[in-house]
């Protein structure tokens, strides 16, 4: 439903250790759903990675490295790139975006 804010999901990653689902979403965001194993129906994302400073543009794939708390997102746009995000626990402050190349 509309509460999910899904517009064009392309790829997903389930982090079963933290029960968190990451979904790339057209045209330029990653949706994060906590408590994924119990989510039903029209659940809003817990967090959204979006905005001009993220450099997300048609995100098409993702990979999570839980050992380094980094999320890698590939972009399929006029400038192919991979954006890397440092993941923080809920409630902590800091810039999530690390690098895009």
PDB file of N, CA and C in Angstrom:
ATOM      1  N   UNK A   1       0.801  -1.190   0.000  1.00  0.00           N
ATOM      2  CA  UNK A   1       0.000   0.000   0.000  1.00  0.00           C
ATOM      3  C   UNK A   1       0.843   1.253   0.000  1.00  0.00           C
ATOM      4  N   UNK A   2       0.197   2.373  -0.013  1.00  0.00           N
ATOM      5  CA  UNK A   2       0.860   3.675  -0.095  1.00  0.00           C
ATOM      6  C   UNK A   2       1.767   3.955   1.096  1.00  0.00           C
ATOM      7  N   UNK A   3       1.455   3.388   2.246  1.00  0.00           N
ATOM      8  CA  UNK A   3       2.270   3.619   3.438  1.00  0.00           C
ATOM      9  C   UNK A   3       3.687   3.104   3.313  1.00  0.00           C
ATOM     10  N   UNK A   4       3.905   2.120   2.452  1.00  0.00           N
ATOM     11  CA  UNK A   4       5.240   1.545   2.270  1.00  0.00           C
ATOM     12  C   UNK A   4       6.174   2.492   1.529  1.00  0.00           C
ATOM     13  N   UNK A   5       5.622   3.441   0.796  1.00  0.00           N
ATOM     14  CA  UNK A   5       6.307   4.379  -0.097  1.00  0.00           C
ATOM     15  C   UNK A   5       7.051   3.676  -1.234  1.00  0.00           C
ATOM     16  N   UNK A   6       6.731   2.408  -1.478  1.00  0.00           N
ATOM     17  CA  UNK A   6       7.335   1.706  -2.609  1.00  0.00           C
ATOM     18  C   UNK A   6       6.809   2.306  -3.905  1.00  0.00           C
ATOM     19  N   UNK A   7       7.738   2.668  -4.797  1.00  0.00           N
ATOM     20  CA  UNK A   7       7.374   3.274  -6.066  1.00  0.00           C
ATOM     21  C   UNK A   7       7.851   2.423  -7.229  1.00  0.00           C
ATOM     22  N   UNK A   8       8.972   1.797  -7.073  1.00  0.00           N
ATOM     23  CA  UNK A   8       9.556   0.954  -8.095  1.00  0.00           C
ATOM     24  C   UNK A   8      10.679   0.158  -7.482  1.00  0.00           C
ATOM     25  N   UNK A   9      10.355  -0.800  -6.615  1.00  0.00           N
ATOM     26  CA  UNK A   9      11.415  -1.581  -5.978  1.00  0.00           C
ATOM     27  C   UNK A   9      12.175  -2.407  -7.003  1.00  0.00           C
ATOM     28  N   UNK A  10      13.485  -2.427  -6.868  1.00  0.00           N
ATOM     29  CA  UNK A  10      14.322  -3.140  -7.827  1.00  0.00           C
ATOM     30  C   UNK A  10      15.092  -4.272  -7.155  1.00  0.00           C
ATOM     31  N   UNK A  11      15.713  -3.992  -6.036  1.00  0.00           N
ATOM     32  CA  UNK A  11      16.524  -5.003  -5.357  1.00  0.00           C
ATOM     33  C   UNK A  11      16.245  -4.945  -3.869  1.00  0.00           C
ATOM     34  N   UNK A  12      16.511  -6.063  -3.207  1.00  0.00           N
ATOM     35  CA  UNK A  12      16.334  -6.074  -1.761  1.00  0.00           C
ATOM     36  C   UNK A  12      17.399  -6.933  -1.110  1.00  0.00           C
ATOM     37  N   UNK A  13      17.620  -6.649   0.163  1.00  0.00           N
ATOM     38  CA  UNK A  13      18.582  -7.404   0.968  1.00  0.00           C
ATOM     39  C   UNK A  13      17.972  -7.594   2.339  1.00  0.00           C
ATOM     40  N   UNK A  14      17.901  -8.833   2.797  1.00  0.00           N
ATOM     41  CA  UNK A  14      17.405  -9.115   4.128  1.00  0.00           C
ATOM     42  C   UNK A  14      18.581  -9.403   5.044  1.00  0.00           C
ATOM     43  N   UNK A  15      18.744  -8.581   6.053  1.00  0.00           N
ATOM     44  CA  UNK A  15      19.746  -8.813   7.081  1.00  0.00           C
ATOM     45  C   UNK A  15      19.037  -9.581   8.190  1.00  0.00           C
ATOM     46  N   UNK A  16      19.131 -10.895   8.139  1.00  0.00           N
ATOM     47  CA  UNK A  16      18.378 -11.729   9.076  1.00  0.00           C
ATOM     48  C   UNK A  16      18.886 -11.570  10.510  1.00  0.00           C
ATOM     49  N   UNK A  17      20.150 -11.239  10.688  1.00  0.00           N
ATOM     50  CA  UNK A  17      20.692 -11.067  12.037  1.00  0.00           C
ATOM     51  C   UNK A  17      20.036  -9.895  12.765  1.00  0.00           C
ATOM     52  N   UNK A  18      19.724  -8.829  12.023  1.00  0.00           N
ATOM     53  CA  UNK A  18      19.086  -7.658  12.638  1.00  0.00           C
ATOM     54  C   UNK A  18      17.602  -7.563  12.294  1.00  0.00           C
ATOM     55  N   UNK A  19      17.110  -8.534  11.510  1.00  0.00           N
ATOM     56  CA  UNK A  19      15.703  -8.556  11.087  1.00  0.00           C
ATOM     57  C   UNK A  19      15.327  -7.257  10.378  1.00  0.00           C
ATOM     58  N   UNK A  20      16.196  -6.854   9.441  1.00  0.00           N
ATOM     59  CA  UNK A  20      16.031  -5.592   8.726  1.00  0.00           C
ATOM     60  C   UNK A  20      16.049  -5.853   7.229  1.00  0.00           C
ATOM     61  N   UNK A  21      15.104  -5.235   6.513  1.00  0.00           N
ATOM     62  CA  UNK A  21      14.998  -5.375   5.064  1.00  0.00           C
ATOM     63  C   UNK A  21      15.363  -4.051   4.405  1.00  0.00           C
ATOM     64  N   UNK A  22      16.277  -4.098   3.421  1.00  0.00           N
ATOM     65  CA  UNK A  22      16.688  -2.933   2.641  1.00  0.00           C
ATOM     66  C   UNK A  22      16.132  -3.102   1.236  1.00  0.00           C
ATOM     67  N   UNK A  23      15.505  -2.055   0.686  1.00  0.00           N
ATOM     68  CA  UNK A  23      14.900  -2.124  -0.641  1.00  0.00           C
ATOM     69  C   UNK A  23      15.309  -0.904  -1.450  1.00  0.00           C
ATOM     70  N   UNK A  24      15.904  -1.125  -2.641  1.00  0.00           N
ATOM     71  CA  UNK A  24      16.158   0.012  -3.529  1.00  0.00           C
ATOM     72  C   UNK A  24      14.829   0.415  -4.144  1.00  0.00           C
ATOM     73  N   UNK A  25      14.631   1.709  -4.298  1.00  0.00           N
ATOM     74  CA  UNK A  25      13.335   2.230  -4.723  1.00  0.00           C
ATOM     75  C   UNK A  25      13.529   3.316  -5.767  1.00  0.00           C
ATOM     76  N   UNK A  26      12.825   3.199  -6.873  1.00  0.00           N
ATOM     77  CA  UNK A  26      12.862   4.178  -7.947  1.00  0.00           C
ATOM     78  C   UNK A  26      12.267   5.487  -7.471  1.00  0.00           C
ATOM     79  N   UNK A  27      12.787   6.669  -7.821  1.00  0.00           N
ATOM     80  CA  UNK A  27      13.939   6.879  -8.674  1.00  0.00           C
ATOM     81  C   UNK A  27      15.255   7.075  -7.933  1.00  0.00           C
ATOM     82  N   UNK A  28      15.245   7.187  -6.584  1.00  0.00           N
ATOM     83  CA  UNK A  28      16.522   7.423  -5.925  1.00  0.00           C
ATOM     84  C   UNK A  28      16.484   7.313  -4.421  1.00  0.00           C
ATOM     85  N   UNK A  29      16.123   6.142  -3.909  1.00  0.00           N
ATOM     86  CA  UNK A  29      16.130   5.985  -2.463  1.00  0.00           C
ATOM     87  C   UNK A  29      16.339   4.523  -2.082  1.00  0.00           C
ATOM     88  N   UNK A  30      16.686   4.329  -0.831  1.00  0.00           N
ATOM     89  CA  UNK A  30      16.730   2.991  -0.229  1.00  0.00           C
ATOM     90  C   UNK A  30      15.815   3.043   0.983  1.00  0.00           C
ATOM     91  N   UNK A  31      14.857   2.129   1.022  1.00  0.00           N
ATOM     92  CA  UNK A  31      13.924   2.048   2.137  1.00  0.00           C
ATOM     93  C   UNK A  31      14.415   0.985   3.101  1.00  0.00           C
ATOM     94  N   UNK A  32      14.314   1.259   4.398  1.00  0.00           N
ATOM     95  CA  UNK A  32      14.770   0.334   5.424  1.00  0.00           C
ATOM     96  C   UNK A  32      13.578  -0.018   6.307  1.00  0.00           C
ATOM     97  N   UNK A  33      13.294  -1.313   6.410  1.00  0.00           N
ATOM     98  CA  UNK A  33      12.179  -1.791   7.220  1.00  0.00           C
ATOM     99  C   UNK A  33      12.720  -2.623   8.374  1.00  0.00           C
ATOM    100  N   UNK A  34      12.540  -2.143   9.598  1.00  0.00           N
ATOM    101  CA  UNK A  34      12.924  -2.899  10.790  1.00  0.00           C
ATOM    102  C   UNK A  34      11.853  -3.949  11.074  1.00  0.00           C
ATOM    103  N   UNK A  35      12.218  -4.971  11.848  1.00  0.00           N
ATOM    104  CA  UNK A  35      11.285  -6.043  12.212  1.00  0.00           C
ATOM    105  C   UNK A  35      10.639  -6.662  10.974  1.00  0.00           C
ATOM    106  N   UNK A  36      11.453  -6.930   9.974  1.00  0.00           N
ATOM    107  CA  UNK A  36      10.957  -7.394   8.685  1.00  0.00           C
ATOM    108  C   UNK A  36      10.182  -8.708   8.776  1.00  0.00           C
ATOM    109  N   UNK A  37      10.585  -9.585   9.663  1.00  0.00           N
ATOM    110  CA  UNK A  37       9.937 -10.901   9.723  1.00  0.00           C
ATOM    111  C   UNK A  37       8.508 -10.824  10.245  1.00  0.00           C
ATOM    112  N   UNK A  38       8.153  -9.747  10.907  1.00  0.00           N
ATOM    113  CA  UNK A  38       6.794  -9.618  11.439  1.00  0.00           C
ATOM    114  C   UNK A  38       5.990  -8.537  10.722  1.00  0.00           C
ATOM    115  N   UNK A  39       6.594  -7.879   9.728  1.00  0.00           N
ATOM    116  CA  UNK A  39       5.898  -6.817   9.001  1.00  0.00           C
ATOM    117  C   UNK A  39       4.810  -7.414   8.119  1.00  0.00           C
ATOM    118  N   UNK A  40       3.658  -6.801   8.145  1.00  0.00           N
ATOM    119  CA  UNK A  40       2.552  -7.233   7.287  1.00  0.00           C
ATOM    120  C   UNK A  40       1.850  -6.008   6.727  1.00  0.00           C
ATOM    121  N   UNK A  41       1.283  -6.182   5.566  1.00  0.00           N
ATOM    122  CA  UNK A  41       0.379  -5.212   4.971  1.00  0.00           C
ATOM    123  C   UNK A  41       1.059  -3.910   4.586  1.00  0.00           C
ATOM    124  N   UNK A  42       0.602  -2.794   5.095  1.00  0.00           N
ATOM    125  CA  UNK A  42       0.970  -1.461   4.643  1.00  0.00           C
ATOM    126  C   UNK A  42       1.933  -0.791   5.623  1.00  0.00           C
ATOM    127  N   UNK A  43       3.109  -1.379   5.816  1.00  0.00           N
ATOM    128  CA  UNK A  43       4.063  -0.897   6.812  1.00  0.00           C
ATOM    129  C   UNK A  43       4.964   0.180   6.220  1.00  0.00           C
ATOM    130  N   UNK A  44       5.060   1.294   6.917  1.00  0.00           N
ATOM    131  CA  UNK A  44       5.946   2.371   6.492  1.00  0.00           C
ATOM    132  C   UNK A  44       7.396   1.990   6.795  1.00  0.00           C
ATOM    133  N   UNK A  45       8.339   2.475   5.979  1.00  0.00           N
ATOM    134  CA  UNK A  45       9.745   2.190   6.276  1.00  0.00           C
ATOM    135  C   UNK A  45      10.171   2.843   7.588  1.00  0.00           C
ATOM    136  N   UNK A  46      11.094   2.204   8.277  1.00  0.00           N
ATOM    137  CA  UNK A  46      11.648   2.761   9.508  1.00  0.00           C
ATOM    138  C   UNK A  46      12.555   3.941   9.204  1.00  0.00           C
ATOM    139  N   UNK A  47      13.259   3.853   8.084  1.00  0.00           N
ATOM    140  CA  UNK A  47      14.165   4.902   7.630  1.00  0.00           C
ATOM    141  C   UNK A  47      14.172   4.913   6.111  1.00  0.00           C
ATOM    142  N   UNK A  48      14.550   6.049   5.557  1.00  0.00           N
ATOM    143  CA  UNK A  48      14.727   6.181   4.115  1.00  0.00           C
ATOM    144  C   UNK A  48      16.038   6.892   3.864  1.00  0.00           C
ATOM    145  N   UNK A  49      16.867   6.302   3.020  1.00  0.00           N
ATOM    146  CA  UNK A  49      18.107   6.947   2.581  1.00  0.00           C
ATOM    147  C   UNK A  49      17.771   7.626   1.262  1.00  0.00           C
ATOM    148  N   UNK A  50      17.797   8.943   1.253  1.00  0.00           N
ATOM    149  CA  UNK A  50      17.391   9.686   0.064  1.00  0.00           C
ATOM    150  C   UNK A  50      17.972  11.090   0.105  1.00  0.00           C
ATOM    151  N   UNK A  51      17.866  11.805  -0.975  1.00  0.00           N
ATOM    152  CA  UNK A  51      18.322  13.195  -1.038  1.00  0.00           C
ATOM    153  C   UNK A  51      19.489  13.360  -1.985  1.00  0.00           C
ATOM    154  N   UNK A  52      19.695  14.573  -2.414  1.00  0.00           N
ATOM    155  CA  UNK A  52      20.731  14.875  -3.403  1.00  0.00           C
ATOM    156  C   UNK A  52      22.127  14.482  -2.930  1.00  0.00           C
ATOM    157  N   UNK A  53      22.414  14.642  -1.661  1.00  0.00           N
ATOM    158  CA  UNK A  53      23.766  14.347  -1.172  1.00  0.00           C
ATOM    159  C   UNK A  53      24.077  12.849  -1.152  1.00  0.00           C
ATOM    160  N   UNK A  54      23.072  11.988  -1.277  1.00  0.00           N
ATOM    161  CA  UNK A  54      23.328  10.540  -1.304  1.00  0.00           C
ATOM    162  C   UNK A  54      23.866  10.084  -2.652  1.00  0.00           C
ATOM    163  N   UNK A  55      23.630  10.863  -3.683  1.00  0.00           N
ATOM    164  CA  UNK A  55      24.003  10.537  -5.065  1.00  0.00           C
ATOM    165  C   UNK A  55      23.290   9.283  -5.576  1.00  0.00           C
ATOM    166  N   UNK A  56      22.176   8.919  -4.971  1.00  0.00           N
ATOM    167  CA  UNK A  56      21.399   7.786  -5.470  1.00  0.00           C
ATOM    168  C   UNK A  56      20.623   8.211  -6.704  1.00  0.00           C
ATOM    169  N   UNK A  57      20.758   7.419  -7.763  1.00  0.00           N
ATOM    170  CA  UNK A  57      20.069   7.690  -9.010  1.00  0.00           C
ATOM    171  C   UNK A  57      19.753   6.363  -9.675  1.00  0.00           C
ATOM    172  N   UNK A  58      18.501   5.972  -9.623  1.00  0.00           N
ATOM    173  CA  UNK A  58      18.053   4.679 -10.125  1.00  0.00           C
ATOM    174  C   UNK A  58      18.842   3.534  -9.474  1.00  0.00           C
ATOM    175  N   UNK A  59      18.796   3.434  -8.150  1.00  0.00           N
ATOM    176  CA  UNK A  59      19.527   2.364  -7.460  1.00  0.00           C
ATOM    177  C   UNK A  59      19.023   1.002  -7.928  1.00  0.00           C
ATOM    178  N   UNK A  60      19.956   0.145  -8.312  1.00  0.00           N
ATOM    179  CA  UNK A  60      19.570  -1.111  -8.946  1.00  0.00           C
ATOM    180  C   UNK A  60      20.038  -2.350  -8.198  1.00  0.00           C
ATOM    181  N   UNK A  61      20.921  -2.201  -7.254  1.00  0.00           N
ATOM    182  CA  UNK A  61      21.416  -3.346  -6.503  1.00  0.00           C
ATOM    183  C   UNK A  61      21.987  -2.888  -5.185  1.00  0.00           C
ATOM    184  N   UNK A  62      22.062  -3.816  -4.238  1.00  0.00           N
ATOM    185  CA  UNK A  62      22.665  -3.456  -2.960  1.00  0.00           C
ATOM    186  C   UNK A  62      23.265  -4.685  -2.296  1.00  0.00           C
ATOM    187  N   UNK A  63      24.207  -4.401  -1.404  1.00  0.00           N
ATOM    188  CA  UNK A  63      24.887  -5.450  -0.653  1.00  0.00           C
ATOM    189  C   UNK A  63      25.258  -4.871   0.701  1.00  0.00           C
ATOM    190  N   UNK A  64      25.020  -5.635   1.728  1.00  0.00           N
ATOM    191  CA  UNK A  64      25.300  -5.203   3.088  1.00  0.00           C
ATOM    192  C   UNK A  64      26.493  -5.978   3.629  1.00  0.00           C
ATOM    193  N   UNK A  65      27.447  -5.248   4.212  1.00  0.00           N
ATOM    194  CA  UNK A  65      28.565  -5.872   4.906  1.00  0.00           C
ATOM    195  C   UNK A  65      28.380  -5.604   6.393  1.00  0.00           C
ATOM    196  N   UNK A  66      27.778  -6.556   7.126  1.00  0.00           N
ATOM    197  CA  UNK A  66      27.506  -6.315   8.540  1.00  0.00           C
ATOM    198  C   UNK A  66      28.769  -6.173   9.384  1.00  0.00           C
ATOM    199  N   UNK A  67      29.876  -6.734   8.939  1.00  0.00           N
ATOM    200  CA  UNK A  67      31.116  -6.639   9.713  1.00  0.00           C
ATOM    201  C   UNK A  67      31.623  -5.198   9.779  1.00  0.00           C
ATOM    202  N   UNK A  68      31.415  -4.440   8.711  1.00  0.00           N
ATOM    203  CA  UNK A  68      31.881  -3.046   8.692  1.00  0.00           C
ATOM    204  C   UNK A  68      30.725  -2.050   8.788  1.00  0.00           C
ATOM    205  N   UNK A  69      29.496  -2.549   8.909  1.00  0.00           N
ATOM    206  CA  UNK A  69      28.312  -1.681   8.952  1.00  0.00           C
ATOM    207  C   UNK A  69      28.233  -0.765   7.746  1.00  0.00           C
ATOM    208  N   UNK A  70      28.485  -1.334   6.568  1.00  0.00           N
ATOM    209  CA  UNK A  70      28.419  -0.551   5.337  1.00  0.00           C
ATOM    210  C   UNK A  70      27.403  -1.171   4.375  1.00  0.00           C
ATOM    211  N   UNK A  71      26.666  -0.281   3.711  1.00  0.00           N
ATOM    212  CA  UNK A  71      25.704  -0.665   2.698  1.00  0.00           C
ATOM    213  C   UNK A  71      26.198  -0.131   1.368  1.00  0.00           C
ATOM    214  N   UNK A  72      26.349  -1.018   0.382  1.00  0.00           N
ATOM    215  CA  UNK A  72      26.814  -0.655  -0.948  1.00  0.00           C
ATOM    216  C   UNK A  72      25.616  -0.669  -1.890  1.00  0.00           C
ATOM    217  N   UNK A  73      25.423   0.427  -2.629  1.00  0.00           N
ATOM    218  CA  UNK A  73      24.276   0.544  -3.518  1.00  0.00           C
ATOM    219  C   UNK A  73      24.775   0.919  -4.908  1.00  0.00           C
ATOM    220  N   UNK A  74      24.431   0.100  -5.903  1.00  0.00           N
ATOM    221  CA  UNK A  74      24.808   0.411  -7.279  1.00  0.00           C
ATOM    222  C   UNK A  74      23.727   1.269  -7.918  1.00  0.00           C
ATOM    223  N   UNK A  75      24.165   2.231  -8.725  1.00  0.00           N
ATOM    224  CA  UNK A  75      23.266   3.136  -9.436  1.00  0.00           C
ATOM    225  C   UNK A  75      23.292   2.820 -10.923  1.00  0.00           C
ATOM    226  N   UNK A  76      22.121   2.756 -11.513  1.00  0.00           N
ATOM    227  CA  UNK A  76      21.990   2.524 -12.944  1.00  0.00           C
ATOM    228  C   UNK A  76      21.395   3.783 -13.550  1.00  0.00           C
ATOM    229  N   UNK A  77      22.251   4.730 -13.831  1.00  0.00           N
ATOM    230  CA  UNK A  77      21.813   6.005 -14.402  1.00  0.00           C
ATOM    231  C   UNK A  77      22.812   6.409 -15.470  1.00  0.00           C
ATOM    232  N   UNK A  78      22.761   7.665 -15.879  1.00  0.00           N
ATOM    233  CA  UNK A  78      23.703   8.124 -16.903  1.00  0.00           C
ATOM    234  C   UNK A  78      25.141   8.087 -16.394  1.00  0.00           C
ATOM    235  N   UNK A  79      25.306   8.102 -15.071  1.00  0.00           N
ATOM    236  CA  UNK A  79      26.628   7.972 -14.461  1.00  0.00           C
ATOM    237  C   UNK A  79      26.583   6.736 -13.559  1.00  0.00           C
ATOM    238  N   UNK A  80      27.093   5.623 -14.060  1.00  0.00           N
ATOM    239  CA  UNK A  80      27.084   4.398 -13.273  1.00  0.00           C
ATOM    240  C   UNK A  80      28.020   4.565 -12.090  1.00  0.00           C
ATOM    241  N   UNK A  81      27.546   4.188 -10.912  1.00  0.00           N
ATOM    242  CA  UNK A  81      28.366   4.386  -9.728  1.00  0.00           C
ATOM    243  C   UNK A  81      27.931   3.436  -8.622  1.00  0.00           C
ATOM    244  N   UNK A  82      28.739   3.398  -7.581  1.00  0.00           N
ATOM    245  CA  UNK A  82      28.400   2.657  -6.367  1.00  0.00           C
ATOM    246  C   UNK A  82      28.517   3.634  -5.202  1.00  0.00           C
ATOM    247  N   UNK A  83      27.433   3.771  -4.462  1.00  0.00           N
ATOM    248  CA  UNK A  83      27.427   4.627  -3.278  1.00  0.00           C
ATOM    249  C   UNK A  83      27.608   3.743  -2.054  1.00  0.00           C
ATOM    250  N   UNK A  84      28.389   4.206  -1.100  1.00  0.00           N
ATOM    251  CA  UNK A  84      28.660   3.446   0.114  1.00  0.00           C
ATOM    252  C   UNK A  84      28.157   4.249   1.306  1.00  0.00           C
ATOM    253  N   UNK A  85      27.391   3.578   2.158  1.00  0.00           N
ATOM    254  CA  UNK A  85      26.800   4.232   3.319  1.00  0.00           C
ATOM    255  C   UNK A  85      27.248   3.538   4.588  1.00  0.00           C
ATOM    256  N   UNK A  86      27.581   4.324   5.585  1.00  0.00           N
ATOM    257  CA  UNK A  86      27.885   3.800   6.919  1.00  0.00           C
ATOM    258  C   UNK A  86      26.574   3.729   7.665  1.00  0.00           C
ATOM    259  N   UNK A  87      26.251   2.588   8.213  1.00  0.00           N
ATOM    260  CA  UNK A  87      24.991   2.406   8.914  1.00  0.00           C
ATOM    261  C   UNK A  87      25.154   2.728  10.385  1.00  0.00           C
ATOM    262  N   UNK A  88      24.196   3.421  10.934  1.00  0.00           N
ATOM    263  CA  UNK A  88      24.196   3.799  12.337  1.00  0.00           C
ATOM    264  C   UNK A  88      22.994   3.169  13.015  1.00  0.00           C
ATOM    265  N   UNK A  89      23.086   2.957  14.282  1.00  0.00           N
ATOM    266  CA  UNK A  89      21.939   2.446  15.019  1.00  0.00           C
ATOM    267  C   UNK A  89      20.878   3.532  15.111  1.00  0.00           C
ATOM    268  N   UNK A  90      19.638   3.108  15.263  1.00  0.00           N
ATOM    269  CA  UNK A  90      18.528   4.058  15.347  1.00  0.00           C
ATOM    270  C   UNK A  90      18.767   5.055  16.466  1.00  0.00           C
ATOM    271  N   UNK A  91      18.519   6.321  16.182  1.00  0.00           N
ATOM    272  CA  UNK A  91      18.650   7.369  17.185  1.00  0.00           C
ATOM    273  C   UNK A  91      20.012   8.016  17.224  1.00  0.00           C
ATOM    274  N   UNK A  92      21.004   7.451  16.527  1.00  0.00           N
ATOM    275  CA  UNK A  92      22.325   8.073  16.555  1.00  0.00           C
ATOM    276  C   UNK A  92      22.408   9.135  15.457  1.00  0.00           C
ATOM    277  N   UNK A  93      23.298  10.062  15.624  1.00  0.00           N
ATOM    278  CA  UNK A  93      23.457  11.153  14.669  1.00  0.00           C
ATOM    279  C   UNK A  93      24.718  10.932  13.845  1.00  0.00           C
ATOM    280  N   UNK A  94      24.719  11.461  12.663  1.00  0.00           N
ATOM    281  CA  UNK A  94      25.901  11.371  11.819  1.00  0.00           C
ATOM    282  C   UNK A  94      25.522  11.284  10.363  1.00  0.00           C
ATOM    283  N   UNK A  95      26.458  11.599   9.514  1.00  0.00           N
ATOM    284  CA  UNK A  95      26.228  11.522   8.088  1.00  0.00           C
ATOM    285  C   UNK A  95      26.397  10.077   7.642  1.00  0.00           C
ATOM    286  N   UNK A  96      25.424   9.564   6.921  1.00  0.00           N
ATOM    287  CA  UNK A  96      25.463   8.156   6.521  1.00  0.00           C
ATOM    288  C   UNK A  96      26.286   7.951   5.249  1.00  0.00           C
ATOM    289  N   UNK A  97      26.351   8.944   4.392  1.00  0.00           N
ATOM    290  CA  UNK A  97      26.998   8.766   3.094  1.00  0.00           C
ATOM    291  C   UNK A  97      28.503   8.810   3.251  1.00  0.00           C
ATOM    292  N   UNK A  98      29.187   7.860   2.633  1.00  0.00           N
ATOM    293  CA  UNK A  98      30.650   7.826   2.704  1.00  0.00           C
ATOM    294  C   UNK A  98      31.282   8.223   1.380  1.00  0.00           C
ATOM    295  N   UNK A  99      30.893   7.531   0.304  1.00  0.00           N
ATOM    296  CA  UNK A  99      31.650   7.667  -0.926  1.00  0.00           C
ATOM    297  C   UNK A  99      30.829   7.156  -2.108  1.00  0.00           C
ATOM    298  N   UNK A 100      31.009   7.763  -3.225  1.00  0.00           N
ATOM    299  CA  UNK A 100      30.441   7.241  -4.461  1.00  0.00           C
ATOM    300  C   UNK A 100      31.527   7.312  -5.526  1.00  0.00           C
ATOM    301  N   UNK A 101      31.612   6.255  -6.308  1.00  0.00           N
ATOM    302  CA  UNK A 101      32.615   6.265  -7.386  1.00  0.00           C
ATOM    303  C   UNK A 101      32.068   5.598  -8.611  1.00  0.00           C
TER     304      UNK A 101
END
